Amino acid sequence: MSVAPRVGLFVTCLVDLFRPSVGFAAVKLLEDAGCTVEVPAAQTCCGQPAYNAGDRKDARGIAIGVLKAFEGYDYVVVPSGSCAGMIKVHFERLFSDDPVHAAAARDLAARTWELTSFLADVLKVAALPARHDGTVAYHDSCSSLREMGVRNQPRALLSQVTGLTLVEVPNGEACCGFGGTFAVKYGDISGEIVRKKADSVASTGATTLVAGDLGCLFNIAGKLKRDGSAIVVRHVAEILAGMTDDPPIGEAS
């Protein structure tokens, strides 16, 4: 690209409140790839919790705020398939009776990308300078895989990291059991699903598990810790950016 793309980074609530290192890693990856990155101060939650709970009124109000906050950017990049899916797939559905906001939602959807997809598919990143010595397993989150079509992109990027050996998780397309409010409403079912996921991850022999959604990572990391596993858990952006100074997810600083 001859002109630096102007990217608005949608940080996400979980990154902002619990794992800001993911946001800094995303900024580094985007700037290293030649983007101008801005983080709009007016951004809020994407509204997914309200949407999933059936609270369309609050979800619409939140969506209108996001539409305004990210006007004018060439691209909107999200280090989460879940939040990216909310913006790209579900916003327009909120405005089926409102053509003005529906049009704005379609425009924002066309500019919105999950982070690894944007790096691989749009920016064509092919030579990351990062190094990570060890065996890494990648978890496909449901939203990334099924709503955003993200599967090969993170694997292609991880293959560029020096010293990293990527292994596949058996039955890797299965949910981890988080699902936002699903884990709260159906704790027993969620617990059984994550037990199977943690067992599958452990069977790979990987020393590190990565994914692109913090909800999944928190859920799986918690189960691995309760099992006494030595597998460490990180967001994929931290590995790709070579920013792993912060303790892994679920471990004290």
Protein backbone atom coordinates (compact mmCIF):
# COMPACT_ATOMS: atom_id res chain seq x y z
CA MET A 1 0.00 0.00 0.00
CA SER A 2 1.37 3.40 -0.95
CA VAL A 3 -0.60 5.40 1.64
CA ALA A 4 -0.69 4.30 5.27
CA PRO A 5 -4.18 2.94 6.01
CA ARG A 6 -5.90 4.77 8.86
CA VAL A 7 -7.03 2.10 11.30
CA GLY A 8 -9.40 2.53 14.22
CA LEU A 9 -8.60 -0.11 16.83
CA PHE A 10 -11.69 -1.49 18.60
CA VAL A 11 -9.97 -2.52 21.81
CA THR A 12 -12.80 -4.63 23.34
CA CYS A 13 -13.89 -4.58 26.98
CA LEU A 14 -11.89 -7.64 28.04
CA VAL A 15 -8.65 -6.28 26.56
CA ASP A 16 -9.23 -2.85 28.10
CA LEU A 17 -10.13 -4.13 31.56
CA PHE A 18 -8.14 -7.35 31.94
CA ARG A 19 -5.41 -7.75 29.30
CA PRO A 20 -4.25 -4.39 27.89
CA SER A 21 -1.05 -6.05 26.63
CA VAL A 22 -3.18 -7.47 23.80
CA GLY A 23 -4.13 -3.98 22.71
CA PHE A 24 -0.52 -2.80 22.75
CA ALA A 25 0.52 -5.91 20.79
CA ALA A 26 -2.19 -5.22 18.21
CA VAL A 27 -1.01 -1.62 17.81
CA LYS A 28 2.59 -2.81 17.31
CA LEU A 29 1.58 -5.36 14.69
CA LEU A 30 -0.50 -2.83 12.77
CA GLU A 31 2.08 -0.05 12.93
CA ASP A 32 4.92 -2.40 11.94
CA ALA A 33 2.79 -3.33 8.91
CA GLY A 34 2.55 0.32 7.89
CA CYS A 35 -0.78 1.43 9.38
CA THR A 36 -1.62 4.61 11.23
CA VAL A 37 -3.48 3.42 14.31
CA GLU A 38 -5.91 5.41 16.44
CA VAL A 39 -7.93 4.30 19.45
CA PRO A 40 -11.13 6.39 19.55
CA ALA A 41 -11.75 7.51 23.13
CA ALA A 42 -15.52 7.38 22.60
CA GLN A 43 -15.59 3.63 21.95
CA THR A 44 -17.52 1.42 24.33
CA CYS A 45 -18.63 -2.21 24.53
CA CYS A 46 -19.84 -3.66 21.21
CA GLY A 47 -23.17 -4.44 22.87
CA GLN A 48 -22.93 -8.20 22.53
CA PRO A 49 -23.92 -9.04 26.14
CA ALA A 50 -27.15 -7.03 25.79
CA TYR A 51 -27.80 -8.45 22.31
CA ASN A 52 -27.33 -12.05 23.45
CA ALA A 53 -29.59 -11.44 26.45
CA GLY A 54 -32.38 -10.21 24.16
CA ASP A 55 -32.09 -6.57 25.22
CA ARG A 56 -32.37 -5.07 21.74
CA LYS A 57 -33.07 -1.52 22.99
CA ASP A 58 -29.78 -1.22 24.88
CA ALA A 59 -27.90 -3.11 22.14
CA ARG A 60 -29.16 -0.61 19.54
CA GLY A 61 -28.12 2.34 21.69
CA ILE A 62 -24.64 0.93 22.16
CA ALA A 63 -24.34 0.12 18.44
CA ILE A 64 -25.23 3.70 17.49
CA GLY A 65 -22.38 4.91 19.70
CA VAL A 66 -19.94 2.50 18.01
CA LEU A 67 -21.10 3.62 14.56
CA LYS A 68 -20.33 7.23 15.46
CA ALA A 69 -17.01 6.49 17.18
CA PHE A 70 -15.61 4.68 14.14
CA GLU A 71 -16.84 6.98 11.35
CA GLY A 72 -14.18 7.89 8.80
CA TYR A 73 -11.59 5.18 9.39
CA ASP A 74 -10.35 3.19 6.42
CA TYR A 75 -10.53 0.05 8.54
CA VAL A 76 -11.72 -0.99 11.99
CA VAL A 77 -9.62 -3.81 13.44
CA VAL A 78 -10.63 -5.93 16.43
CA PRO A 79 -8.40 -8.35 18.40
CA SER A 80 -11.45 -10.56 18.97
CA GLY A 81 -13.55 -12.58 16.55
CA SER A 82 -16.48 -12.32 18.93
CA CYS A 83 -16.68 -8.51 19.05
CA ALA A 84 -15.75 -8.25 15.36
CA GLY A 85 -18.59 -10.64 14.56
CA MET A 86 -21.03 -8.54 16.56
CA ILE A 87 -20.11 -5.45 14.56
CA LYS A 88 -19.81 -7.12 11.17
CA VAL A 89 -22.71 -9.58 11.31
CA HIS A 90 -25.22 -8.47 13.92
CA PHE A 91 -25.27 -4.65 13.92
CA GLU A 92 -27.30 -4.42 10.72
CA ARG A 93 -29.89 -6.83 12.12
CA LEU A 94 -30.48 -4.41 14.99
CA PHE A 95 -31.66 -1.76 12.52
CA SER A 96 -34.02 -3.72 10.27
CA ASP A 97 -36.63 -0.93 10.79
CA ASP A 98 -34.15 1.96 10.58
CA PRO A 99 -32.69 2.43 7.07
CA VAL A 100 -30.33 5.25 8.08
CA HIS A 101 -28.57 3.31 10.81
CA ALA A 102 -28.78 0.08 8.79
CA ALA A 103 -26.80 1.76 6.01
CA ALA A 104 -24.23 3.00 8.51
CA ALA A 105 -24.00 -0.52 9.96
CA ARG A 106 -23.36 -2.00 6.50
CA ASP A 107 -20.65 0.59 5.88
CA LEU A 108 -18.97 -0.20 9.21
CA ALA A 109 -19.27 -3.95 8.58
CA ALA A 110 -17.44 -3.60 5.26
CA ARG A 111 -14.55 -1.85 7.05
CA THR A 112 -14.34 -4.21 10.05
CA TRP A 113 -11.79 -7.03 10.33
CA GLU A 114 -10.61 -9.47 12.97
CA LEU A 115 -6.92 -8.74 13.69
CA THR A 116 -5.21 -11.80 12.21
CA SER A 117 -7.48 -11.75 9.17
CA PHE A 118 -6.62 -8.08 8.55
CA LEU A 119 -2.88 -8.77 8.87
CA ALA A 120 -2.94 -11.80 6.58
CA ASP A 121 -5.72 -11.03 4.08
CA VAL A 122 -5.50 -7.23 3.72
CA LEU A 123 -1.96 -6.26 4.67
CA LYS A 124 -0.41 -9.51 3.34
CA VAL A 125 2.04 -9.72 6.25
CA ALA A 126 4.60 -12.39 5.30
CA ALA A 127 7.70 -11.80 7.43
CA LEU A 128 7.07 -11.26 11.12
CA PRO A 129 10.28 -10.69 13.10
CA ALA A 130 8.99 -12.38 16.28
CA ARG A 131 10.59 -15.35 18.04
CA HIS A 132 8.93 -17.86 20.39
CA ASP A 133 10.69 -21.07 21.29
CA GLY A 134 8.21 -23.84 21.99
CA THR A 135 5.24 -25.86 20.81
CA VAL A 136 2.03 -23.86 20.40
CA ALA A 137 -1.57 -25.01 19.93
CA TYR A 138 -4.14 -22.64 18.42
CA HIS A 139 -7.78 -22.61 19.59
CA ASP A 140 -10.40 -21.57 17.02
CA SER A 141 -13.10 -19.54 18.73
CA CYS A 142 -16.64 -20.10 17.48
CA SER A 143 -17.15 -16.50 16.38
CA SER A 144 -13.79 -16.25 14.61
CA LEU A 145 -14.26 -19.53 12.81
CA ARG A 146 -17.95 -19.47 12.01
CA GLU A 147 -18.84 -15.78 11.75
CA MET A 148 -15.58 -14.25 10.54
CA GLY A 149 -14.14 -17.12 8.49
CA VAL A 150 -10.86 -17.02 10.38
CA ARG A 151 -8.94 -20.28 10.40
CA ASN A 152 -5.89 -20.26 8.14
CA GLN A 153 -4.87 -16.65 8.85
CA PRO A 154 -3.56 -17.06 12.43
CA ARG A 155 -1.82 -20.30 11.47
CA ALA A 156 -0.11 -18.60 8.51
CA LEU A 157 1.09 -15.80 10.78
CA LEU A 158 2.26 -18.16 13.54
CA SER A 159 4.28 -20.10 10.93
CA GLN A 160 6.38 -16.97 10.47
CA VAL A 161 7.46 -16.88 14.14
CA THR A 162 10.99 -18.19 14.53
CA GLY A 163 11.35 -21.15 16.89
CA LEU A 164 7.61 -21.86 17.06
CA THR A 165 6.18 -25.29 16.27
CA LEU A 166 2.41 -25.26 15.69
CA VAL A 167 0.31 -28.30 16.60
CA GLU A 168 -3.40 -28.90 16.05
CA VAL A 169 -5.89 -29.56 18.84
CA PRO A 170 -7.95 -32.73 18.29
CA ASN A 171 -11.57 -31.85 17.49
CA GLY A 172 -10.29 -28.28 17.38
CA GLU A 173 -13.46 -26.76 15.95
CA ALA A 174 -15.45 -27.66 19.08
CA CYS A 175 -16.58 -24.82 21.36
CA CYS A 176 -14.68 -24.23 24.61
CA GLY A 177 -17.95 -23.84 26.55
CA PHE A 178 -17.65 -20.11 27.29
CA GLY A 179 -20.22 -18.49 25.01
CA GLY A 180 -20.61 -15.32 27.09
CA THR A 181 -23.74 -15.66 29.22
CA PHE A 182 -23.99 -19.35 28.27
CA ALA A 183 -21.27 -20.15 30.81
CA VAL A 184 -23.29 -18.33 33.48
CA LYS A 185 -26.71 -19.76 32.62
CA TYR A 186 -25.56 -23.32 32.00
CA GLY A 187 -22.55 -23.73 34.26
CA ASP A 188 -22.62 -27.53 34.43
CA ILE A 189 -22.78 -27.93 30.66
CA SER A 190 -20.13 -25.26 30.14
CA GLY A 191 -17.87 -26.98 32.67
CA GLU A 192 -18.12 -30.31 30.87
CA ILE A 193 -17.39 -28.70 27.50
CA VAL A 194 -14.28 -26.93 28.77
CA ARG A 195 -13.13 -30.13 30.47
CA LYS A 196 -13.08 -31.85 27.11
CA LYS A 197 -11.36 -28.86 25.51
CA ALA A 198 -8.65 -28.75 28.19
CA ASP A 199 -8.06 -32.49 27.82
CA SER A 200 -7.71 -32.09 24.04
CA VAL A 201 -5.25 -29.23 24.45
CA ALA A 202 -3.20 -31.22 26.97
CA SER A 203 -3.06 -34.19 24.59
CA THR A 204 -1.13 -32.14 22.01
CA GLY A 205 1.95 -31.78 24.19
CA ALA A 206 1.94 -28.04 23.53
CA THR A 207 3.62 -25.76 26.04
CA THR A 208 1.49 -22.76 25.03
CA LEU A 209 -2.14 -22.33 23.96
CA VAL A 210 -3.11 -19.25 21.95
CA ALA A 211 -6.34 -17.91 20.48
CA GLY A 212 -7.82 -14.67 19.25
CA ASP A 213 -10.61 -14.28 21.82
CA LEU A 214 -9.98 -13.51 25.47
CA GLY A 215 -13.29 -15.01 26.61
CA CYS A 216 -12.21 -18.43 25.37
CA LEU A 217 -8.70 -17.96 26.72
CA PHE A 218 -9.89 -17.01 30.21
CA ASN A 219 -12.22 -20.01 30.25
CA ILE A 220 -9.63 -22.55 29.08
CA ALA A 221 -6.82 -21.04 31.17
CA GLY A 222 -8.98 -21.34 34.28
CA LYS A 223 -9.65 -25.01 33.64
CA LEU A 224 -5.99 -25.76 32.87
CA LYS A 225 -4.93 -24.02 36.09
CA ARG A 226 -7.49 -25.97 38.14
CA ASP A 227 -6.11 -29.16 36.57
CA GLY A 228 -2.58 -28.21 37.59
CA SER A 229 -1.44 -28.01 33.96
CA ALA A 230 1.85 -26.32 33.09
CA ILE A 231 0.48 -25.12 29.73
CA VAL A 232 0.60 -21.34 29.51
CA VAL A 233 -2.12 -19.35 27.74
CA ARG A 234 -1.73 -16.18 25.69
CA HIS A 235 -3.56 -14.12 23.08
CA VAL A 236 -2.16 -14.76 19.61
CA ALA A 237 -1.32 -11.06 19.18
CA GLU A 238 1.18 -11.23 22.04
CA ILE A 239 3.08 -14.08 20.35
CA LEU A 240 2.99 -12.50 16.89
CA ALA A 241 4.23 -9.17 18.24
CA GLY A 242 6.92 -10.79 20.36
CA MET A 243 5.44 -9.11 23.45
CA THR A 244 5.40 -11.80 26.11
CA ASP A 245 6.91 -9.97 29.07
CA ASP A 246 3.58 -9.91 30.93
CA PRO A 247 2.69 -13.11 32.82
CA PRO A 248 0.53 -15.58 30.91
CA ILE A 249 -3.24 -15.38 31.30
CA GLY A 250 -4.34 -16.65 34.71
CA GLU A 251 -0.95 -16.22 36.39
CA ALA A 252 -0.10 -13.56 38.95
CA SER A 253 2.18 -10.68 37.99
